């Protein structure tokens, strides 16, 4: 069974919120959390590539 990491969950949940939220002022905040989580995932992948 695989492991789900917090950044993966954050991207999924916030992508859903971005589709559903009606307050346009919240969109940039949710987009920022998605972008930041994707960057963190990318960094973790690079780190683990060098460990293996």
Foldseek 3Di string as FASTA:
>chain_A
DDDDDPLNVLLVVLVVCLVVDDDPVCNVVSVVSNVVSVVVVVVVVVVVVVVD
